Amino acid sequence: MSDLSDDLMLSDEVLAEAQQHLVSIRDWIRFGVSCFRGCDVHLGHGSDDPFAEATALVMQTLNLAWSADAEIIDAVVLPSERAAIAEVLKRRVNDRTPLAYLLNLAYFANLPFYVDERVLVPRSPIAELIESRFLPWLSVEPQRILDLCTGSGCIAIACAMEFPEAIVDGTDISIDALSVAALNVEHHELTERVGLIESDVFNKLPGQRYDLIVSNPPYVDAEDMADLPLEFTREPELGLASGVDGLDITKRILAEAADYLTDDGVLVVEVGNSQWALQQTFPDVPFVWVDFIRGGQGVFVLSAAECREHQATFESSI
């Protein structure tokens, strides 16, 4: 239980009243939206829309597709189902637990992934890049892809699905995260093409070169870490914090990427709000910042040639 004030929490009395009077799927979705707004619940683990979040909560709890179709939205919810919805909603609001952890489910690049508190909730805008096959930066079909800091394995798996001929390696320093990633690799039947490696960035990788290196590493700076919404404190700090400027891990990736990219390879890294710190740290590096149609920022692209050209500068920063 959090230290939230009573006016930002759902009381047992309110939940009991809801179970007595709310009878349809539509009722419970509406109630969820009202609870999120009235209790100042922070959204941002995949959606910033309270209606979408409430719909996902209700429909998944009822074992239904997340779309609130007209044919079903006015269906009556059984008393036992109402109790189940109320319990999930209570944990979402009062504990500020991200919905993906409550459902053990998140979608990334239109694919389902098992998630729990051992990994970050998938939400990277890199999904949009994967769906567009990293065009125009990736000029050839990649044969080998590396996902650094793989977490749940969502980026590695989505890349493997998009490029069915590619071999993909996913690395993470966290054994717990790799355990979750293994569940997802098995679920998507990719054990023959997606390998998982315990590694602190590149330190345990064999001498392999990759056509594409992708990473959504920890990039939250110290100031932002001290002021995270409660929902984000439920995630593993190891996957978020990256030093005073948020660049500790990114600098290490930049310093070694040239040694692991093929001649025509491409590096894609998400740094989020640390974009400005990165540009100030390396003002002469021609980072290309991706514009996303569906929203998101702080993802850069560098070619292998650019990584080689600036490698000494990158190395001197760590």
Protein backbone atom coordinates (compact mmCIF):
# COMPACT_ATOMS: atom_id res chain seq x y z
CA MET A 1 0.00 0.00 0.00
CA SER A 2 1.21 3.47 -0.84
CA ASP A 3 1.23 6.60 1.32
CA LEU A 4 -1.43 8.30 -0.82
CA SER A 5 -4.01 10.52 0.85
CA ASP A 6 -7.52 9.08 1.22
CA ASP A 7 -8.93 11.34 -1.49
CA LEU A 8 -6.57 9.73 -4.04
CA MET A 9 -7.60 6.17 -3.16
CA LEU A 10 -10.65 3.97 -3.63
CA SER A 11 -12.40 3.08 -0.39
CA ASP A 12 -13.94 -0.33 0.25
CA GLU A 13 -17.28 1.42 0.57
CA VAL A 14 -17.07 2.93 -2.90
CA LEU A 15 -16.03 -0.40 -4.41
CA ALA A 16 -18.87 -2.20 -2.64
CA GLU A 17 -21.34 0.36 -3.97
CA ALA A 18 -19.92 -0.07 -7.46
CA GLN A 19 -20.34 -3.85 -7.31
CA GLN A 20 -23.93 -3.40 -6.23
CA HIS A 21 -24.99 -0.90 -8.90
CA LEU A 22 -22.69 -1.28 -11.93
CA VAL A 23 -23.98 -4.12 -14.09
CA SER A 24 -22.57 -3.80 -17.62
CA ILE A 25 -19.14 -3.73 -19.21
CA ARG A 26 -19.86 -0.15 -20.24
CA ASP A 27 -20.60 0.74 -16.59
CA TRP A 28 -17.29 -0.65 -15.37
CA ILE A 29 -15.24 1.02 -18.09
CA ARG A 30 -16.88 4.34 -17.25
CA PHE A 31 -16.23 3.78 -13.56
CA GLY A 32 -12.59 2.97 -14.26
CA VAL A 33 -12.11 6.20 -16.22
CA SER A 34 -13.71 8.18 -13.39
CA CYS A 35 -11.47 6.50 -10.82
CA PHE A 36 -8.30 7.18 -12.80
CA ARG A 37 -9.15 10.83 -13.25
CA GLY A 38 -10.57 11.40 -9.79
CA CYS A 39 -7.67 9.71 -8.01
CA ASP A 40 -4.97 11.34 -10.19
CA VAL A 41 -3.64 8.02 -11.46
CA HIS A 42 -0.56 8.44 -13.66
CA LEU A 43 -0.76 6.85 -17.09
CA GLY A 44 2.24 6.24 -19.30
CA HIS A 45 2.98 2.53 -19.44
CA GLY A 46 1.82 2.09 -23.00
CA SER A 47 -1.14 4.48 -23.05
CA ASP A 48 -1.89 7.93 -21.72
CA ASP A 49 -5.62 7.55 -22.39
CA PRO A 50 -7.73 6.69 -19.30
CA PHE A 51 -10.47 5.19 -21.49
CA ALA A 52 -7.99 2.83 -23.19
CA GLU A 53 -6.52 1.84 -19.83
CA ALA A 54 -9.94 1.22 -18.26
CA THR A 55 -11.05 -0.76 -21.30
CA ALA A 56 -7.96 -2.96 -21.15
CA LEU A 57 -8.40 -3.52 -17.41
CA VAL A 58 -12.04 -4.54 -17.67
CA MET A 59 -11.84 -6.59 -20.87
CA GLN A 60 -8.72 -8.53 -19.91
CA THR A 61 -10.14 -9.31 -16.46
CA LEU A 62 -13.19 -10.71 -18.26
CA ASN A 63 -10.98 -12.69 -20.67
CA LEU A 64 -12.24 -10.68 -23.63
CA ALA A 65 -10.54 -8.88 -26.50
CA TRP A 66 -9.50 -5.36 -25.51
CA SER A 67 -11.73 -3.63 -28.07
CA ALA A 68 -15.03 -2.50 -26.59
CA ASP A 69 -17.24 -3.71 -29.44
CA ALA A 70 -20.83 -2.52 -29.60
CA GLU A 71 -22.11 -6.11 -29.56
CA ILE A 72 -20.67 -6.78 -26.13
CA ILE A 73 -20.17 -3.52 -24.29
CA ASP A 74 -23.65 -3.60 -22.75
CA ALA A 75 -23.41 -7.24 -21.67
CA VAL A 76 -24.20 -7.91 -18.01
CA VAL A 77 -21.24 -8.64 -15.73
CA LEU A 78 -21.76 -11.41 -13.17
CA PRO A 79 -21.31 -10.58 -9.46
CA SER A 80 -18.14 -12.70 -9.28
CA GLU A 81 -16.77 -10.87 -12.32
CA ARG A 82 -17.59 -7.51 -10.78
CA ALA A 83 -15.63 -8.50 -7.69
CA ALA A 84 -12.65 -9.47 -9.86
CA ILE A 85 -12.73 -6.16 -11.75
CA ALA A 86 -13.04 -4.22 -8.50
CA GLU A 87 -9.99 -5.98 -7.05
CA VAL A 88 -7.80 -5.21 -10.06
CA LEU A 89 -9.03 -1.63 -10.12
CA LYS A 90 -8.30 -1.24 -6.40
CA ARG A 91 -4.70 -2.41 -6.87
CA ARG A 92 -4.26 -0.17 -9.91
CA VAL A 93 -5.47 2.92 -8.04
CA ASN A 94 -4.46 2.35 -4.41
CA ASP A 95 -1.12 0.61 -4.98
CA ARG A 96 -0.35 2.49 -8.21
CA THR A 97 0.74 -0.81 -9.74
CA PRO A 98 1.06 -0.55 -13.55
CA LEU A 99 -1.76 -2.35 -15.29
CA ALA A 100 0.64 -4.54 -17.26
CA TYR A 101 1.90 -6.06 -14.01
CA LEU A 102 -1.63 -6.70 -12.78
CA LEU A 103 -2.55 -8.43 -16.03
CA ASN A 104 0.91 -9.94 -16.66
CA LEU A 105 0.44 -8.73 -20.21
CA ALA A 106 1.66 -5.90 -22.41
CA TYR A 107 1.54 -5.34 -26.15
CA PHE A 108 4.54 -4.14 -28.15
CA ALA A 109 4.63 -3.86 -31.94
CA ASN A 110 1.18 -5.50 -31.87
CA LEU A 111 2.60 -8.58 -30.16
CA PRO A 112 1.66 -9.84 -26.67
CA PHE A 113 4.33 -10.17 -23.98
CA TYR A 114 4.32 -11.60 -20.49
CA VAL A 115 5.60 -9.02 -18.00
CA ASP A 116 5.99 -8.76 -14.26
CA GLU A 117 7.95 -6.66 -11.77
CA ARG A 118 11.26 -8.16 -12.94
CA VAL A 119 11.18 -6.11 -16.16
CA LEU A 120 10.13 -2.69 -17.40
CA VAL A 121 6.73 -2.45 -19.03
CA PRO A 122 7.29 -2.37 -22.83
CA ARG A 123 6.48 1.06 -24.24
CA SER A 124 9.39 2.14 -26.45
CA PRO A 125 8.64 4.09 -29.64
CA ILE A 126 11.23 1.80 -31.25
CA ALA A 127 8.22 -0.42 -31.98
CA GLU A 128 7.30 1.97 -34.77
CA LEU A 129 10.80 1.69 -36.24
CA ILE A 130 10.62 -2.10 -36.18
CA GLU A 131 7.27 -2.06 -37.97
CA SER A 132 8.77 0.20 -40.65
CA ARG A 133 11.81 -2.13 -40.90
CA PHE A 134 14.15 0.67 -39.80
CA LEU A 135 13.80 2.41 -43.14
CA PRO A 136 15.44 4.43 -44.54
CA TRP A 137 18.51 3.74 -42.39
CA LEU A 138 18.73 -0.01 -42.84
CA SER A 139 19.72 -0.52 -46.46
CA VAL A 140 19.99 -4.33 -46.47
CA GLU A 141 18.02 -7.16 -44.89
CA PRO A 142 19.80 -7.77 -41.56
CA GLN A 143 21.24 -11.21 -40.98
CA ARG A 144 22.24 -10.63 -37.36
CA ILE A 145 20.56 -8.28 -34.89
CA LEU A 146 21.60 -7.39 -31.34
CA ASP A 147 19.21 -6.06 -28.70
CA LEU A 148 21.17 -4.62 -25.78
CA CYS A 149 19.37 -4.39 -22.41
CA THR A 150 16.62 -6.65 -23.71
CA GLY A 151 14.46 -6.75 -20.57
CA SER A 152 11.27 -8.62 -21.46
CA GLY A 153 12.75 -9.45 -24.85
CA CYS A 154 10.12 -7.38 -26.66
CA ILE A 155 12.50 -5.58 -29.04
CA ALA A 156 14.49 -8.73 -29.84
CA ILE A 157 11.34 -10.75 -30.48
CA ALA A 158 9.63 -8.04 -32.52
CA CYS A 159 12.78 -7.75 -34.67
CA ALA A 160 12.84 -11.51 -35.17
CA MET A 161 9.20 -11.47 -36.25
CA GLU A 162 9.77 -8.58 -38.66
CA PHE A 163 12.96 -10.09 -40.13
CA PRO A 164 12.24 -13.84 -40.32
CA GLU A 165 15.66 -14.70 -41.76
CA ALA A 166 17.63 -12.93 -39.04
CA ILE A 167 19.40 -14.37 -36.00
CA VAL A 168 18.82 -12.16 -32.96
CA ASP A 169 20.75 -11.91 -29.71
CA GLY A 170 19.26 -10.24 -26.65
CA THR A 171 21.51 -9.30 -23.74
CA ASP A 172 20.81 -8.11 -20.23
CA ILE A 173 22.74 -7.83 -16.98
CA SER A 174 19.69 -9.03 -15.03
CA ILE A 175 19.12 -12.76 -14.69
CA ASP A 176 15.57 -12.00 -13.58
CA ALA A 177 14.89 -10.05 -16.75
CA LEU A 178 16.37 -12.80 -18.90
CA SER A 179 14.04 -15.30 -17.22
CA VAL A 180 11.06 -13.23 -18.34
CA ALA A 181 12.54 -12.81 -21.81
CA ALA A 182 12.96 -16.59 -22.06
CA LEU A 183 9.25 -17.07 -21.37
CA ASN A 184 8.42 -14.68 -24.20
CA VAL A 185 10.89 -16.25 -26.64
CA GLU A 186 9.34 -19.64 -25.98
CA HIS A 187 5.79 -18.28 -26.25
CA HIS A 188 6.54 -16.82 -29.68
CA GLU A 189 8.30 -20.05 -30.74
CA LEU A 190 11.59 -18.32 -31.51
CA THR A 191 14.05 -20.38 -29.49
CA GLU A 192 15.97 -21.34 -32.63
CA ARG A 193 16.53 -17.73 -33.76
CA VAL A 194 16.56 -15.60 -30.60
CA GLY A 195 19.40 -16.19 -28.16
CA LEU A 196 19.59 -14.65 -24.69
CA ILE A 197 22.94 -13.74 -23.11
CA GLU A 198 23.72 -12.49 -19.62
CA SER A 199 26.01 -9.57 -20.35
CA ASP A 200 26.77 -6.10 -19.02
CA VAL A 201 26.36 -4.31 -22.35
CA PHE A 202 29.02 -5.91 -24.60
CA ASN A 203 31.29 -7.49 -21.98
CA LYS A 204 30.26 -11.13 -22.48
CA LEU A 205 29.48 -11.10 -26.16
CA PRO A 206 31.52 -13.28 -28.50
CA GLY A 207 33.43 -11.63 -31.34
CA GLN A 208 30.34 -11.30 -33.48
CA ARG A 209 29.35 -8.39 -35.70
CA TYR A 210 25.78 -7.30 -36.28
CA ASP A 211 23.96 -5.56 -39.12
CA LEU A 212 21.70 -3.85 -36.59
CA ILE A 213 22.23 -3.02 -32.92
CA VAL A 214 19.16 -1.74 -31.08
CA SER A 215 18.95 -0.68 -27.46
CA ASN A 216 16.49 0.81 -25.03
CA PRO A 217 18.95 1.07 -22.14
CA PRO A 218 18.46 2.70 -18.73
CA TYR A 219 18.51 6.46 -19.35
CA VAL A 220 16.75 8.22 -16.47
CA ASP A 221 18.96 10.87 -14.85
CA ALA A 222 19.33 11.37 -11.10
CA GLU A 223 16.97 14.35 -10.95
CA ASP A 224 14.16 12.52 -12.71
CA MET A 225 14.74 9.36 -10.66
CA ALA A 226 14.09 11.39 -7.52
CA ASP A 227 10.77 12.61 -8.88
CA LEU A 228 9.24 9.56 -10.57
CA PRO A 229 5.48 8.99 -10.42
CA LEU A 230 4.63 6.10 -8.10
CA GLU A 231 3.81 3.80 -11.01
CA PHE A 232 7.39 4.01 -12.26
CA THR A 233 8.84 3.21 -8.84
CA ARG A 234 7.19 -0.21 -9.17
CA GLU A 235 9.58 -0.99 -12.02
CA PRO A 236 13.13 -2.31 -11.45
CA GLU A 237 15.48 0.60 -10.79
CA LEU A 238 18.21 -1.28 -12.67
CA GLY A 239 16.22 -0.77 -15.87
CA LEU A 240 15.71 2.95 -15.35
CA ALA A 241 18.58 4.73 -13.58
CA SER A 242 21.75 5.62 -15.48
CA GLY A 243 23.79 8.08 -13.45
CA VAL A 244 23.67 11.81 -12.94
CA ASP A 245 23.00 12.71 -16.59
CA GLY A 246 21.21 9.51 -17.59
CA LEU A 247 23.97 8.57 -20.01
CA ASP A 248 26.16 6.07 -18.13
CA ILE A 249 25.02 3.07 -20.19
CA THR A 250 24.57 4.95 -23.45
CA LYS A 251 28.17 6.21 -23.35
CA ARG A 252 29.40 2.63 -22.95
CA ILE A 253 27.29 1.49 -25.89
CA LEU A 254 28.65 4.29 -28.08
CA ALA A 255 32.23 3.55 -27.05
CA GLU A 256 32.08 -0.06 -28.25
CA ALA A 257 29.38 -0.20 -30.92
CA ALA A 258 31.86 0.22 -33.78
CA ASP A 259 33.58 -3.02 -32.74
CA TYR A 260 30.34 -4.99 -33.08
CA LEU A 261 28.76 -3.48 -36.20
CA THR A 262 29.27 -4.70 -39.75
CA ASP A 263 30.60 -2.17 -42.26
CA ASP A 264 27.08 -1.13 -43.29
CA GLY A 265 25.58 -1.68 -39.86
CA VAL A 266 23.29 0.69 -37.97
CA LEU A 267 23.03 1.61 -34.30
CA VAL A 268 19.64 2.64 -32.87
CA VAL A 269 19.41 3.76 -29.23
CA GLU A 270 16.66 5.29 -27.13
CA VAL A 271 17.73 7.91 -24.58
CA GLY A 272 14.39 9.61 -23.89
CA ASN A 273 14.64 12.87 -21.98
CA SER A 274 18.43 12.50 -21.87
CA GLN A 275 18.55 13.50 -25.54
CA TRP A 276 19.58 17.04 -24.66
CA ALA A 277 22.35 15.89 -22.33
CA LEU A 278 23.67 13.59 -25.06
CA GLN A 279 23.78 16.38 -27.61
CA GLN A 280 25.61 18.65 -25.17
CA THR A 281 28.10 15.89 -24.34
CA PHE A 282 28.83 15.11 -28.00
CA PRO A 283 28.08 18.30 -29.96
CA ASP A 284 30.10 17.22 -33.00
CA VAL A 285 28.38 13.83 -33.44
CA PRO A 286 25.72 13.85 -36.20
CA PHE A 287 22.99 12.03 -34.29
CA VAL A 288 19.86 11.55 -36.40
CA TRP A 289 16.79 11.90 -34.17
CA VAL A 290 13.80 9.89 -35.30
CA ASP A 291 10.43 11.56 -35.82
CA PHE A 292 7.63 9.22 -34.79
CA ILE A 293 4.14 9.30 -36.23
CA ARG A 294 2.57 7.80 -33.09
CA GLY A 295 4.48 9.96 -30.63
CA GLY A 296 7.71 9.51 -28.72
CA GLN A 297 11.15 11.06 -28.89
CA GLY A 298 14.74 10.60 -27.87
CA VAL A 299 15.74 7.82 -30.28
CA PHE A 300 18.87 8.33 -32.37
CA VAL A 301 20.43 6.53 -35.32
CA LEU A 302 24.13 6.34 -36.18
CA SER A 303 25.81 4.43 -38.98
CA ALA A 304 28.72 2.11 -38.35
CA ALA A 305 30.98 4.59 -40.16
CA GLU A 306 29.89 7.39 -37.81
CA CYS A 307 30.44 5.16 -34.79
CA ARG A 308 33.97 4.44 -36.00
CA GLU A 309 34.68 8.08 -36.80
CA HIS A 310 33.76 9.24 -33.30
CA GLN A 311 34.82 6.17 -31.32
CA ALA A 312 37.78 7.90 -29.68
CA THR A 313 35.52 10.69 -28.49
CA PHE A 314 33.03 8.18 -27.11
CA GLU A 315 35.77 6.21 -25.36
CA SER A 316 37.16 9.33 -23.71
CA SER A 317 33.77 10.04 -22.11
CA ILE A 318 33.72 6.93 -19.91
